Amino acid sequence: MASLRTPSVVLAMAPANPHRLFDDQLRQRLRAIAAIDLDLVVTDLHAAPAREAFQSAEVLLTCWGCPPVDADVLATAPRLEAIVHAAGSVKGLVTEACWRRGLRVSSAAAANAVPVAEYTVAMIVLAGKRAFPIQAAYRAEASRRDWAALYPGLGNYRVTVGIVGASNVGRRVVDLLQSYDMDVLLADPTIDAAEAARLGARLVELDELIPACDVVSIHAPDIPQTYHLFDAGRLASMRDGATLVNTARGRIVDTEALTVELTSGRISAVLDVTDPEPLPADSPLFALPNVVLTPHIAGSLGNEIRRMGALAVAELERFARGEAFAYPVVEERLSLLA
């Protein structure tokens, strides 16, 4: 389909990102729909090369490593209409000046949600099978044991999984869990019971969800209202033997209180994010057998980054055709996003 226009697009991101985002096919699509110099990658928005490029720029194609687009930057970009962000959160990038200017904003958060949800579901299933402690014991003992007797409750049939947050990731996790024989609860103050049911979950209050679940998985945004949402009291209310999965942000969980619970051995945790990140080298969480720590790898890495590039290119194609973005970010909901 022919484009109605050929917008001028400037890349603003860390220098390594275009190669990671765009393979040859995506580069061809970019050249077909936009006036773009794929060899020009702006990192300093106030430097001379950026100011020159911004004179004709209609769209900024951004990713990790792009500084905030502030009023001074906008003053050098008189034709700028949109920001297409080939990554997740736009909070560190889109300033109040962008909203006042009326810029259209798109984010690839939905694409980045895919690997996070996949990682989460994998960890939920492995947690139910007690795969991590059993693997450690099997390695140490090199013998077969009655694992079901050693780990009461082992298995994933009719377990209850709690999802905290109907975010992009949370919704996708609920959807993926539909293929398992699991009961799924959802806590999120921004949706109603009917919407939760359409997603495939039963809506409950957070303080009802936590003690009812075998696995609790966090997918809430890091906003002031969620700071230490999982405090000592809520962590203490988790079932004995339950697992906490956090692929959202470390600040949502009180690390000190979580350490106390995990050190007791009463619950387990799968933590892809922590507060601080990384944890101090002497943190007991590195050595506890009931803790799986990974270094923030659930999100897009390696070839998964191309998925975000593909989404961003598709958004640019919509812009060129004069269509609305499929994945817009609106100012009114920004405070609820990661």
C-alpha atoms as a PDB file:
ATOM      1  CA  MET A   1       0.000   0.000   0.000  1.00  0.00           C
ATOM      2  CA  ALA A   2       1.450   3.350  -0.998  1.00  0.00           C
ATOM      3  CA  SER A   3       2.148   5.858   1.731  1.00  0.00           C
ATOM      4  CA  LEU A   4       0.204   9.081   1.814  1.00  0.00           C
ATOM      5  CA  ARG A   5       3.376  10.829   2.923  1.00  0.00           C
ATOM      6  CA  THR A   6       7.053  10.128   3.443  1.00  0.00           C
ATOM      7  CA  PRO A   7       7.812  11.515   6.899  1.00  0.00           C
ATOM      8  CA  SER A   8      11.269  12.675   7.865  1.00  0.00           C
ATOM      9  CA  VAL A   9      12.459  10.379  10.676  1.00  0.00           C
ATOM     10  CA  VAL A  10      15.516  10.744  12.923  1.00  0.00           C
ATOM     11  CA  LEU A  11      16.988   7.976  15.070  1.00  0.00           C
ATOM     12  CA  ALA A  12      17.615   9.074  18.679  1.00  0.00           C
ATOM     13  CA  MET A  13      19.063   6.292  20.828  1.00  0.00           C
ATOM     14  CA  ALA A  14      22.283   4.619  21.928  1.00  0.00           C
ATOM     15  CA  PRO A  15      24.518   3.925  18.903  1.00  0.00           C
ATOM     16  CA  ALA A  16      24.330   0.136  19.208  1.00  0.00           C
ATOM     17  CA  ASN A  17      20.547  -0.030  19.191  1.00  0.00           C
ATOM     18  CA  PRO A  18      19.677   0.372  15.481  1.00  0.00           C
ATOM     19  CA  HIS A  19      21.618  -2.784  14.630  1.00  0.00           C
ATOM     20  CA  ARG A  20      19.881  -4.640  17.449  1.00  0.00           C
ATOM     21  CA  LEU A  21      16.417  -3.381  16.509  1.00  0.00           C
ATOM     22  CA  PHE A  22      16.398  -3.577  12.722  1.00  0.00           C
ATOM     23  CA  ASP A  23      17.464  -6.457  10.509  1.00  0.00           C
ATOM     24  CA  ASP A  24      17.815  -6.012   6.739  1.00  0.00           C
ATOM     25  CA  GLN A  25      14.112  -6.541   6.134  1.00  0.00           C
ATOM     26  CA  LEU A  26      13.094  -3.930   8.698  1.00  0.00           C
ATOM     27  CA  ARG A  27      15.669  -1.497   7.311  1.00  0.00           C
ATOM     28  CA  GLN A  28      14.152  -1.917   3.869  1.00  0.00           C
ATOM     29  CA  ARG A  29      10.700  -1.188   5.270  1.00  0.00           C
ATOM     30  CA  LEU A  30      12.014   1.936   6.997  1.00  0.00           C
ATOM     31  CA  ARG A  31      13.604   3.233   3.816  1.00  0.00           C
ATOM     32  CA  ALA A  32      10.404   2.526   1.896  1.00  0.00           C
ATOM     33  CA  ILE A  33       8.165   4.592   4.156  1.00  0.00           C
ATOM     34  CA  ALA A  34      10.401   7.336   5.537  1.00  0.00           C
ATOM     35  CA  ALA A  35      13.082   9.819   4.693  1.00  0.00           C
ATOM     36  CA  ILE A  36      15.649   8.456   7.132  1.00  0.00           C
ATOM     37  CA  ASP A  37      19.432   8.283   7.396  1.00  0.00           C
ATOM     38  CA  LEU A  38      20.047   4.980   9.130  1.00  0.00           C
ATOM     39  CA  ASP A  39      23.681   5.877   9.634  1.00  0.00           C
ATOM     40  CA  LEU A  40      22.816   8.984  11.657  1.00  0.00           C
ATOM     41  CA  VAL A  41      22.086   8.052  15.257  1.00  0.00           C
ATOM     42  CA  VAL A  42      21.590  10.996  17.592  1.00  0.00           C
ATOM     43  CA  THR A  43      22.651  10.560  21.215  1.00  0.00           C
ATOM     44  CA  ASP A  44      23.105  14.187  22.303  1.00  0.00           C
ATOM     45  CA  LEU A  45      19.909  16.008  21.395  1.00  0.00           C
ATOM     46  CA  HIS A  46      21.550  19.391  21.883  1.00  0.00           C
ATOM     47  CA  ALA A  47      24.617  18.785  19.696  1.00  0.00           C
ATOM     48  CA  ALA A  48      24.993  20.320  16.247  1.00  0.00           C
ATOM     49  CA  PRO A  49      24.233  17.141  14.229  1.00  0.00           C
ATOM     50  CA  ALA A  50      20.986  16.677  16.141  1.00  0.00           C
ATOM     51  CA  ARG A  51      19.940  20.293  15.775  1.00  0.00           C
ATOM     52  CA  GLU A  52      20.533  20.142  12.041  1.00  0.00           C
ATOM     53  CA  ALA A  53      18.587  16.901  11.642  1.00  0.00           C
ATOM     54  CA  PHE A  54      15.747  18.143  13.820  1.00  0.00           C
ATOM     55  CA  GLN A  55      15.020  21.077  11.519  1.00  0.00           C
ATOM     56  CA  SER A  56      13.168  18.750   9.158  1.00  0.00           C
ATOM     57  CA  ALA A  57      12.290  15.902  11.537  1.00  0.00           C
ATOM     58  CA  GLU A  58       8.623  14.939  11.745  1.00  0.00           C
ATOM     59  CA  VAL A  59       9.137  11.807  13.844  1.00  0.00           C
ATOM     60  CA  LEU A  60      11.747  10.805  16.394  1.00  0.00           C
ATOM     61  CA  LEU A  61      12.370   7.066  16.389  1.00  0.00           C
ATOM     62  CA  THR A  62      13.748   6.451  19.862  1.00  0.00           C
ATOM     63  CA  CYS A  63      14.951   3.608  22.043  1.00  0.00           C
ATOM     64  CA  TRP A  64      17.106   3.049  25.116  1.00  0.00           C
ATOM     65  CA  GLY A  65      19.729   5.755  25.441  1.00  0.00           C
ATOM     66  CA  CYS A  66      17.631   8.650  24.190  1.00  0.00           C
ATOM     67  CA  PRO A  67      17.780  11.658  26.562  1.00  0.00           C
ATOM     68  CA  PRO A  68      14.631  13.581  27.532  1.00  0.00           C
ATOM     69  CA  VAL A  69      12.988  15.502  24.722  1.00  0.00           C
ATOM     70  CA  ASP A  70      12.653  18.824  26.527  1.00  0.00           C
ATOM     71  CA  ALA A  71      11.518  22.299  25.502  1.00  0.00           C
ATOM     72  CA  ASP A  72      14.987  23.262  24.245  1.00  0.00           C
ATOM     73  CA  VAL A  73      15.050  20.234  21.975  1.00  0.00           C
ATOM     74  CA  LEU A  74      11.562  20.942  20.693  1.00  0.00           C
ATOM     75  CA  ALA A  75      12.564  24.491  19.867  1.00  0.00           C
ATOM     76  CA  THR A  76      15.015  23.052  17.318  1.00  0.00           C
ATOM     77  CA  ALA A  77      12.390  20.693  15.843  1.00  0.00           C
ATOM     78  CA  PRO A  78       9.620  22.910  14.459  1.00  0.00           C
ATOM     79  CA  ARG A  79       8.054  20.149  12.333  1.00  0.00           C
ATOM     80  CA  LEU A  80       8.114  17.374  14.940  1.00  0.00           C
ATOM     81  CA  GLU A  81       4.753  15.600  15.260  1.00  0.00           C
ATOM     82  CA  ALA A  82       5.445  12.266  16.913  1.00  0.00           C
ATOM     83  CA  ILE A  83       7.769  10.100  18.967  1.00  0.00           C
ATOM     84  CA  VAL A  84       7.849   6.381  18.210  1.00  0.00           C
ATOM     85  CA  HIS A  85       9.647   4.618  21.038  1.00  0.00           C
ATOM     86  CA  ALA A  86      11.051   1.200  20.145  1.00  0.00           C
ATOM     87  CA  ALA A  87      11.201   0.140  23.799  1.00  0.00           C
ATOM     88  CA  GLY A  88       8.938   0.133  26.857  1.00  0.00           C
ATOM     89  CA  SER A  89       8.524   3.039  29.247  1.00  0.00           C
ATOM     90  CA  VAL A  90       8.559   6.572  27.858  1.00  0.00           C
ATOM     91  CA  LYS A  91       8.642   8.289  31.252  1.00  0.00           C
ATOM     92  CA  GLY A  92      12.312   9.227  31.060  1.00  0.00           C
ATOM     93  CA  LEU A  93      11.959  10.469  27.505  1.00  0.00           C
ATOM     94  CA  VAL A  94       8.659  12.282  26.986  1.00  0.00           C
ATOM     95  CA  THR A  95       8.548  15.522  28.969  1.00  0.00           C
ATOM     96  CA  GLU A  96       5.713  17.880  29.813  1.00  0.00           C
ATOM     97  CA  ALA A  97       6.836  20.029  26.886  1.00  0.00           C
ATOM     98  CA  CYS A  98       6.044  17.166  24.501  1.00  0.00           C
ATOM     99  CA  TRP A  99       2.486  16.917  25.758  1.00  0.00           C
ATOM    100  CA  ARG A 100       2.030  20.699  25.585  1.00  0.00           C
ATOM    101  CA  ARG A 101       3.247  20.556  21.987  1.00  0.00           C
ATOM    102  CA  GLY A 102       0.600  17.912  21.258  1.00  0.00           C
ATOM    103  CA  LEU A 103       3.041  15.274  20.072  1.00  0.00           C
ATOM    104  CA  ARG A 104       1.677  11.834  19.321  1.00  0.00           C
ATOM    105  CA  VAL A 105       3.562   9.146  21.224  1.00  0.00           C
ATOM    106  CA  SER A 106       3.812   5.410  20.624  1.00  0.00           C
ATOM    107  CA  SER A 107       5.606   2.767  22.675  1.00  0.00           C
ATOM    108  CA  ALA A 108       6.725  -0.812  22.011  1.00  0.00           C
ATOM    109  CA  ALA A 109       5.816  -1.811  25.574  1.00  0.00           C
ATOM    110  CA  ALA A 110       3.413  -4.418  24.205  1.00  0.00           C
ATOM    111  CA  ALA A 111       6.254  -6.094  22.311  1.00  0.00           C
ATOM    112  CA  ASN A 112       8.535  -5.973  25.322  1.00  0.00           C
ATOM    113  CA  ALA A 113       5.770  -7.584  27.383  1.00  0.00           C
ATOM    114  CA  VAL A 114       5.963 -10.790  25.351  1.00  0.00           C
ATOM    115  CA  PRO A 115       9.294 -12.160  26.659  1.00  0.00           C
ATOM    116  CA  VAL A 116       8.528 -10.974  30.191  1.00  0.00           C
ATOM    117  CA  ALA A 117       5.272 -12.909  30.157  1.00  0.00           C
ATOM    118  CA  GLU A 118       6.964 -15.964  28.666  1.00  0.00           C
ATOM    119  CA  TYR A 119       9.654 -15.871  31.347  1.00  0.00           C
ATOM    120  CA  THR A 120       7.027 -15.417  34.060  1.00  0.00           C
ATOM    121  CA  VAL A 121       4.910 -18.369  32.974  1.00  0.00           C
ATOM    122  CA  ALA A 122       8.006 -20.555  32.683  1.00  0.00           C
ATOM    123  CA  MET A 123       8.987 -19.628  36.227  1.00  0.00           C
ATOM    124  CA  ILE A 124       5.468 -20.218  37.551  1.00  0.00           C
ATOM    125  CA  VAL A 125       5.463 -23.720  36.077  1.00  0.00           C
ATOM    126  CA  LEU A 126       8.983 -24.514  37.317  1.00  0.00           C
ATOM    127  CA  ALA A 127       8.125 -23.157  40.769  1.00  0.00           C
ATOM    128  CA  GLY A 128       5.111 -25.459  40.930  1.00  0.00           C
ATOM    129  CA  LYS A 129       7.277 -28.444  40.021  1.00  0.00           C
ATOM    130  CA  ARG A 130       9.817 -27.353  42.674  1.00  0.00           C
ATOM    131  CA  ALA A 131      12.352 -27.684  39.871  1.00  0.00           C
ATOM    132  CA  PHE A 132      14.999 -25.441  41.375  1.00  0.00           C
ATOM    133  CA  PRO A 133      15.410 -27.004  44.845  1.00  0.00           C
ATOM    134  CA  ILE A 134      15.027 -30.497  43.417  1.00  0.00           C
ATOM    135  CA  GLN A 135      17.707 -29.808  40.824  1.00  0.00           C
ATOM    136  CA  ALA A 136      20.059 -28.561  43.534  1.00  0.00           C
ATOM    137  CA  ALA A 137      19.406 -31.580  45.743  1.00  0.00           C
ATOM    138  CA  TYR A 138      19.759 -34.016  42.845  1.00  0.00           C
ATOM    139  CA  ARG A 139      23.068 -32.462  41.858  1.00  0.00           C
ATOM    140  CA  ALA A 140      24.371 -32.657  45.426  1.00  0.00           C
ATOM    141  CA  GLU A 141      23.173 -36.201  46.160  1.00  0.00           C
ATOM    142  CA  ALA A 142      23.231 -37.818  42.709  1.00  0.00           C
ATOM    143  CA  SER A 143      20.434 -40.178  43.758  1.00  0.00           C
ATOM    144  CA  ARG A 144      16.724 -40.566  43.305  1.00  0.00           C
ATOM    145  CA  ARG A 145      14.377 -39.586  46.103  1.00  0.00           C
ATOM    146  CA  ASP A 146      10.655 -39.459  46.702  1.00  0.00           C
ATOM    147  CA  TRP A 147      10.464 -35.835  45.605  1.00  0.00           C
ATOM    148  CA  ALA A 148       6.706 -35.546  46.093  1.00  0.00           C
ATOM    149  CA  ALA A 149       7.102 -36.650  49.710  1.00  0.00           C
ATOM    150  CA  LEU A 150       9.958 -34.217  50.253  1.00  0.00           C
ATOM    151  CA  TYR A 151       8.024 -31.350  48.638  1.00  0.00           C
ATOM    152  CA  PRO A 152       4.348 -31.549  49.627  1.00  0.00           C
ATOM    153  CA  GLY A 153       2.125 -29.732  47.179  1.00  0.00           C
ATOM    154  CA  LEU A 154       4.485 -30.354  44.267  1.00  0.00           C
ATOM    155  CA  GLY A 155       2.790 -29.935  40.894  1.00  0.00           C
ATOM    156  CA  ASN A 156       0.704 -27.520  38.871  1.00  0.00           C
ATOM    157  CA  TYR A 157      -2.735 -29.127  38.774  1.00  0.00           C
ATOM    158  CA  ARG A 158      -5.417 -26.809  40.146  1.00  0.00           C
ATOM    159  CA  VAL A 159      -2.945 -24.549  41.903  1.00  0.00           C
ATOM    160  CA  THR A 160      -3.947 -20.933  42.405  1.00  0.00           C
ATOM    161  CA  VAL A 161      -1.866 -18.234  40.756  1.00  0.00           C
ATOM    162  CA  GLY A 162      -2.263 -14.579  41.657  1.00  0.00           C
ATOM    163  CA  ILE A 163      -1.456 -11.844  39.147  1.00  0.00           C
ATOM    164  CA  VAL A 164      -0.888  -8.391  40.611  1.00  0.00           C
ATOM    165  CA  GLY A 165      -1.474  -5.782  37.927  1.00  0.00           C
ATOM    166  CA  ALA A 166      -3.431  -5.900  34.654  1.00  0.00           C
ATOM    167  CA  SER A 167      -0.522  -4.365  32.772  1.00  0.00           C
ATOM    168  CA  ASN A 168       0.590  -5.420  29.292  1.00  0.00           C
ATOM    169  CA  VAL A 169       2.629  -8.158  30.918  1.00  0.00           C
ATOM    170  CA  GLY A 170       0.005  -9.111  33.481  1.00  0.00           C
ATOM    171  CA  ARG A 171      -2.677  -9.486  30.832  1.00  0.00           C
ATOM    172  CA  ARG A 172      -0.448 -11.629  28.661  1.00  0.00           C
ATOM    173  CA  VAL A 173       0.478 -13.847  31.607  1.00  0.00           C
ATOM    174  CA  VAL A 174      -3.214 -14.389  32.372  1.00  0.00           C
ATOM    175  CA  ASP A 175      -3.793 -15.290  28.737  1.00  0.00           C
ATOM    176  CA  LEU A 176      -0.892 -17.764  28.615  1.00  0.00           C
ATOM    177  CA  LEU A 177      -2.050 -19.407  31.820  1.00  0.00           C
ATOM    178  CA  GLN A 178      -5.374 -20.316  30.191  1.00  0.00           C
ATOM    179  CA  SER A 179      -3.726 -23.413  28.703  1.00  0.00           C
ATOM    180  CA  TYR A 180      -2.929 -24.739  32.195  1.00  0.00           C
ATOM    181  CA  ASP A 181      -5.219 -26.305  34.791  1.00  0.00           C
ATOM    182  CA  MET A 182      -4.742 -23.401  37.174  1.00  0.00           C
ATOM    183  CA  ASP A 183      -7.068 -21.005  38.944  1.00  0.00           C
ATOM    184  CA  VAL A 184      -6.057 -17.422  38.210  1.00  0.00           C
ATOM    185  CA  LEU A 185      -6.822 -14.488  40.488  1.00  0.00           C
ATOM    186  CA  LEU A 186      -6.160 -10.887  39.507  1.00  0.00           C
ATOM    187  CA  ALA A 187      -5.746  -7.782  41.651  1.00  0.00           C
ATOM    188  CA  ASP A 188      -5.833  -4.377  39.983  1.00  0.00           C
ATOM    189  CA  PRO A 189      -7.785  -1.314  41.167  1.00  0.00           C
ATOM    190  CA  THR A 190      -8.097   0.087  37.632  1.00  0.00           C
ATOM    191  CA  ILE A 191     -10.337  -2.657  36.174  1.00  0.00           C
ATOM    192  CA  ASP A 192     -13.667  -4.214  37.100  1.00  0.00           C
ATOM    193  CA  ALA A 193     -14.757  -7.812  37.563  1.00  0.00           C
ATOM    194  CA  ALA A 194     -16.224  -8.061  34.075  1.00  0.00           C
ATOM    195  CA  GLU A 195     -12.973  -7.042  32.424  1.00  0.00           C
ATOM    196  CA  ALA A 196     -11.008  -9.446  34.606  1.00  0.00           C
ATOM    197  CA  ALA A 197     -13.367 -12.239  33.590  1.00  0.00           C
ATOM    198  CA  ARG A 198     -12.878 -11.398  29.919  1.00  0.00           C
ATOM    199  CA  LEU A 199      -9.135 -11.691  30.478  1.00  0.00           C
ATOM    200  CA  GLY A 200      -9.593 -15.099  32.096  1.00  0.00           C
ATOM    201  CA  ALA A 201      -9.207 -14.320  35.783  1.00  0.00           C
ATOM    202  CA  ARG A 202     -11.282 -13.591  38.873  1.00  0.00           C
ATOM    203  CA  LEU A 203     -10.864 -10.102  40.282  1.00  0.00           C
ATOM    204  CA  VAL A 204     -10.126  -9.884  44.013  1.00  0.00           C
ATOM    205  CA  GLU A 205      -8.586  -7.383  46.388  1.00  0.00           C
ATOM    206  CA  LEU A 206      -4.826  -7.662  46.837  1.00  0.00           C
ATOM    207  CA  ASP A 207      -5.119  -8.631  50.494  1.00  0.00           C
ATOM    208  CA  GLU A 208      -7.474 -11.466  49.511  1.00  0.00           C
ATOM    209  CA  LEU A 209      -5.234 -12.613  46.662  1.00  0.00           C
ATOM    210  CA  ILE A 210      -1.941 -12.931  48.525  1.00  0.00           C
ATOM    211  CA  PRO A 211      -2.903 -15.554  51.149  1.00  0.00           C
ATOM    212  CA  ALA A 212      -5.027 -17.498  48.643  1.00  0.00           C
ATOM    213  CA  CYS A 213      -2.278 -18.220  46.117  1.00  0.00           C
ATOM    214  CA  ASP A 214       0.407 -20.823  45.594  1.00  0.00           C
ATOM    215  CA  VAL A 215       2.265 -18.381  43.338  1.00  0.00           C
ATOM    216  CA  VAL A 216       1.997 -14.591  43.394  1.00  0.00           C
ATOM    217  CA  SER A 217       3.406 -12.786  40.350  1.00  0.00           C
ATOM    218  CA  ILE A 218       3.939  -9.015  40.333  1.00  0.00           C
ATOM    219  CA  HIS A 219       3.170  -6.982  37.199  1.00  0.00           C
ATOM    220  CA  ALA A 220       2.336  -3.586  38.693  1.00  0.00           C
ATOM    221  CA  PRO A 221       3.992  -0.315  37.626  1.00  0.00           C
ATOM    222  CA  ASP A 222       6.678   1.375  39.706  1.00  0.00           C
ATOM    223  CA  ILE A 223       4.727   4.409  40.850  1.00  0.00           C
ATOM    224  CA  PRO A 224       4.448   6.097  44.269  1.00  0.00           C
ATOM    225  CA  GLN A 225       1.322   4.103  45.115  1.00  0.00           C
ATOM    226  CA  THR A 226       3.133   0.777  44.612  1.00  0.00           C
ATOM    227  CA  TYR A 227       6.322   1.536  46.547  1.00  0.00           C
ATOM    228  CA  HIS A 228       6.759  -1.379  49.001  1.00  0.00           C
ATOM    229  CA  LEU A 229       3.312  -2.619  48.042  1.00  0.00           C
ATOM    230  CA  PHE A 230       4.624  -5.944  49.292  1.00  0.00           C
ATOM    231  CA  ASP A 231       5.623  -4.934  52.792  1.00  0.00           C
ATOM    232  CA  ALA A 232       6.323  -7.113  55.821  1.00  0.00           C
ATOM    233  CA  GLY A 233       2.646  -7.634  56.563  1.00  0.00           C
ATOM    234  CA  ARG A 234       1.667  -8.728  53.073  1.00  0.00           C
ATOM    235  CA  LEU A 235       4.721 -10.963  52.708  1.00  0.00           C
ATOM    236  CA  ALA A 236       3.890 -12.589  56.033  1.00  0.00           C
ATOM    237  CA  SER A 237       0.378 -13.306  54.746  1.00  0.00           C
ATOM    238  CA  MET A 238       1.657 -15.501  51.914  1.00  0.00           C
ATOM    239  CA  ARG A 239       0.919 -19.198  52.238  1.00  0.00           C
ATOM    240  CA  ASP A 240       3.633 -21.446  53.628  1.00  0.00           C
ATOM    241  CA  GLY A 241       5.436 -22.896  50.620  1.00  0.00           C
ATOM    242  CA  ALA A 242       4.185 -20.207  48.235  1.00  0.00           C
ATOM    243  CA  THR A 243       6.417 -18.535  45.648  1.00  0.00           C
ATOM    244  CA  LEU A 244       6.714 -14.824  44.906  1.00  0.00           C
ATOM    245  CA  VAL A 245       7.691 -13.942  41.317  1.00  0.00           C
ATOM    246  CA  ASN A 246       8.819 -10.398  40.554  1.00  0.00           C
ATOM    247  CA  THR A 247       9.597  -9.355  36.991  1.00  0.00           C
ATOM    248  CA  ALA A 248       8.251  -5.814  37.422  1.00  0.00           C
ATOM    249  CA  ARG A 249      10.387  -3.490  39.558  1.00  0.00           C
ATOM    250  CA  GLY A 250      12.327  -4.152  42.725  1.00  0.00           C
ATOM    251  CA  ARG A 251      10.953  -1.154  44.613  1.00  0.00           C
ATOM    252  CA  ILE A 252       7.493  -2.748  44.723  1.00  0.00           C
ATOM    253  CA  VAL A 253       8.824  -5.224  47.305  1.00  0.00           C
ATOM    254  CA  ASP A 254      10.402  -4.358  50.651  1.00  0.00           C
ATOM    255  CA  THR A 255      13.728  -6.152  50.199  1.00  0.00           C
ATOM    256  CA  GLU A 256      14.514  -6.243  53.910  1.00  0.00           C
ATOM    257  CA  ALA A 257      11.159  -7.780  54.774  1.00  0.00           C
ATOM    258  CA  LEU A 258      11.418 -10.243  51.889  1.00  0.00           C
ATOM    259  CA  THR A 259      14.886 -11.293  53.045  1.00  0.00           C
ATOM    260  CA  VAL A 260      13.502 -12.092  56.481  1.00  0.00           C
ATOM    261  CA  GLU A 261      10.748 -14.288  55.013  1.00  0.00           C
ATOM    262  CA  LEU A 262      13.072 -16.053  52.586  1.00  0.00           C
ATOM    263  CA  THR A 263      15.757 -16.651  55.193  1.00  0.00           C
ATOM    264  CA  SER A 264      13.160 -18.432  57.303  1.00  0.00           C
ATOM    265  CA  GLY A 265      12.565 -20.832  54.421  1.00  0.00           C
ATOM    266  CA  ARG A 266       8.809 -20.372  54.723  1.00  0.00           C
ATOM    267  CA  ILE A 267       8.331 -19.101  51.163  1.00  0.00           C
ATOM    268  CA  SER A 268      10.328 -19.045  47.930  1.00  0.00           C
ATOM    269  CA  ALA A 269      11.005 -16.336  45.361  1.00  0.00           C
ATOM    270  CA  VAL A 270      11.938 -15.871  41.731  1.00  0.00           C
ATOM    271  CA  LEU A 271      13.413 -12.387  41.401  1.00  0.00           C
ATOM    272  CA  ASP A 272      14.435 -10.900  38.074  1.00  0.00           C
ATOM    273  CA  VAL A 273      14.428  -7.425  39.640  1.00  0.00           C
ATOM    274  CA  THR A 274      15.536  -6.263  43.082  1.00  0.00           C
ATOM    275  CA  ASP A 275      15.980  -3.121  45.130  1.00  0.00           C
ATOM    276  CA  PRO A 276      18.790  -2.215  44.893  1.00  0.00           C
ATOM    277  CA  GLU A 277      19.746  -3.693  41.554  1.00  0.00           C
ATOM    278  CA  PRO A 278      22.048  -5.495  41.708  1.00  0.00           C
ATOM    279  CA  LEU A 279      21.883  -6.520  45.336  1.00  0.00           C
ATOM    280  CA  PRO A 280      25.014  -6.095  47.482  1.00  0.00           C
ATOM    281  CA  ALA A 281      27.443  -8.963  46.974  1.00  0.00           C
ATOM    282  CA  ASP A 282      26.945 -10.092  50.576  1.00  0.00           C
ATOM    283  CA  SER A 283      23.141 -10.316  50.281  1.00  0.00           C
ATOM    284  CA  PRO A 284      21.946 -13.662  51.655  1.00  0.00           C
ATOM    285  CA  LEU A 285      19.541 -13.915  48.730  1.00  0.00           C
ATOM    286  CA  PHE A 286      22.405 -15.022  46.475  1.00  0.00           C
ATOM    287  CA  ALA A 287      22.976 -18.149  48.562  1.00  0.00           C
ATOM    288  CA  LEU A 288      19.489 -19.152  49.694  1.00  0.00           C
ATOM    289  CA  PRO A 289      18.294 -22.401  48.079  1.00  0.00           C
ATOM    290  CA  ASN A 290      14.702 -21.146  47.910  1.00  0.00           C
ATOM    291  CA  VAL A 291      15.610 -18.080  45.830  1.00  0.00           C
ATOM    292  CA  VAL A 292      16.164 -17.832  42.082  1.00  0.00           C
ATOM    293  CA  LEU A 293      17.904 -14.589  41.145  1.00  0.00           C
ATOM    294  CA  THR A 294      18.338 -13.490  37.542  1.00  0.00           C
ATOM    295  CA  PRO A 295      19.888 -10.161  36.438  1.00  0.00           C
ATOM    296  CA  HIS A 296      16.897  -8.393  34.842  1.00  0.00           C
ATOM    297  CA  ILE A 297      16.781 -10.698  31.816  1.00  0.00           C
ATOM    298  CA  ALA A 298      13.028 -11.240  31.500  1.00  0.00           C
ATOM    299  CA  GLY A 299      12.566  -8.298  29.134  1.00  0.00           C
ATOM    300  CA  SER A 300      13.677  -8.110  25.526  1.00  0.00           C
ATOM    301  CA  LEU A 301      17.221  -9.338  24.982  1.00  0.00           C
ATOM    302  CA  GLY A 302      19.108 -10.707  21.981  1.00  0.00           C
ATOM    303  CA  ASN A 303      16.827 -11.540  19.074  1.00  0.00           C
ATOM    304  CA  GLU A 304      13.761 -10.493  21.086  1.00  0.00           C
ATOM    305  CA  ILE A 305      14.718  -6.848  20.541  1.00  0.00           C
ATOM    306  CA  ARG A 306      13.778  -7.248  16.882  1.00  0.00           C
ATOM    307  CA  ARG A 307      10.153  -7.669  17.962  1.00  0.00           C
ATOM    308  CA  MET A 308      10.208  -4.117  19.358  1.00  0.00           C
ATOM    309  CA  GLY A 309      11.852  -2.881  16.169  1.00  0.00           C
ATOM    310  CA  ALA A 310       9.130  -4.518  14.090  1.00  0.00           C
ATOM    311  CA  LEU A 311       6.399  -2.907  16.192  1.00  0.00           C
ATOM    312  CA  ALA A 312       8.023   0.521  15.854  1.00  0.00           C
ATOM    313  CA  VAL A 313       8.317   0.159  12.076  1.00  0.00           C
ATOM    314  CA  ALA A 314       4.649  -0.857  11.857  1.00  0.00           C
ATOM    315  CA  GLU A 315       3.727   2.253  13.848  1.00  0.00           C
ATOM    316  CA  LEU A 316       5.724   4.424  11.436  1.00  0.00           C
ATOM    317  CA  GLU A 317       3.892   2.806   8.541  1.00  0.00           C
ATOM    318  CA  ARG A 318       0.590   3.743  10.168  1.00  0.00           C
ATOM    319  CA  PHE A 319       1.830   7.304  10.665  1.00  0.00           C
ATOM    320  CA  ALA A 320       2.843   7.501   7.010  1.00  0.00           C
ATOM    321  CA  ARG A 321      -0.647   6.364   5.971  1.00  0.00           C
ATOM    322  CA  GLY A 322      -2.250   8.948   8.189  1.00  0.00           C
ATOM    323  CA  GLU A 323      -3.617   6.351  10.601  1.00  0.00           C
ATOM    324  CA  ALA A 324      -3.746   6.360  14.389  1.00  0.00           C
ATOM    325  CA  PHE A 325      -1.047   4.500  16.287  1.00  0.00           C
ATOM    326  CA  ALA A 326      -1.971   0.978  17.349  1.00  0.00           C
ATOM    327  CA  TYR A 327      -0.007   1.396  20.592  1.00  0.00           C
ATOM    328  CA  PRO A 328      -0.423   5.024  21.656  1.00  0.00           C
ATOM    329  CA  VAL A 329       0.698   6.475  24.961  1.00  0.00           C
ATOM    330  CA  VAL A 330      -1.641   9.122  26.306  1.00  0.00           C
ATOM    331  CA  GLU A 331      -0.781  11.646  28.981  1.00  0.00           C
ATOM    332  CA  GLU A 332      -3.848  10.847  31.088  1.00  0.00           C
ATOM    333  CA  ARG A 333      -2.674   7.255  31.721  1.00  0.00           C
ATOM    334  CA  LEU A 334       1.033   7.967  32.035  1.00  0.00           C
ATOM    335  CA  SER A 335       0.929   7.916  35.846  1.00  0.00           C
ATOM    336  CA  LEU A 336      -0.397   4.345  35.742  1.00  0.00           C
ATOM    337  CA  LEU A 337       2.328   3.026  33.440  1.00  0.00           C
ATOM    338  CA  ALA A 338       5.708   1.571  34.254  1.00  0.00           C
END
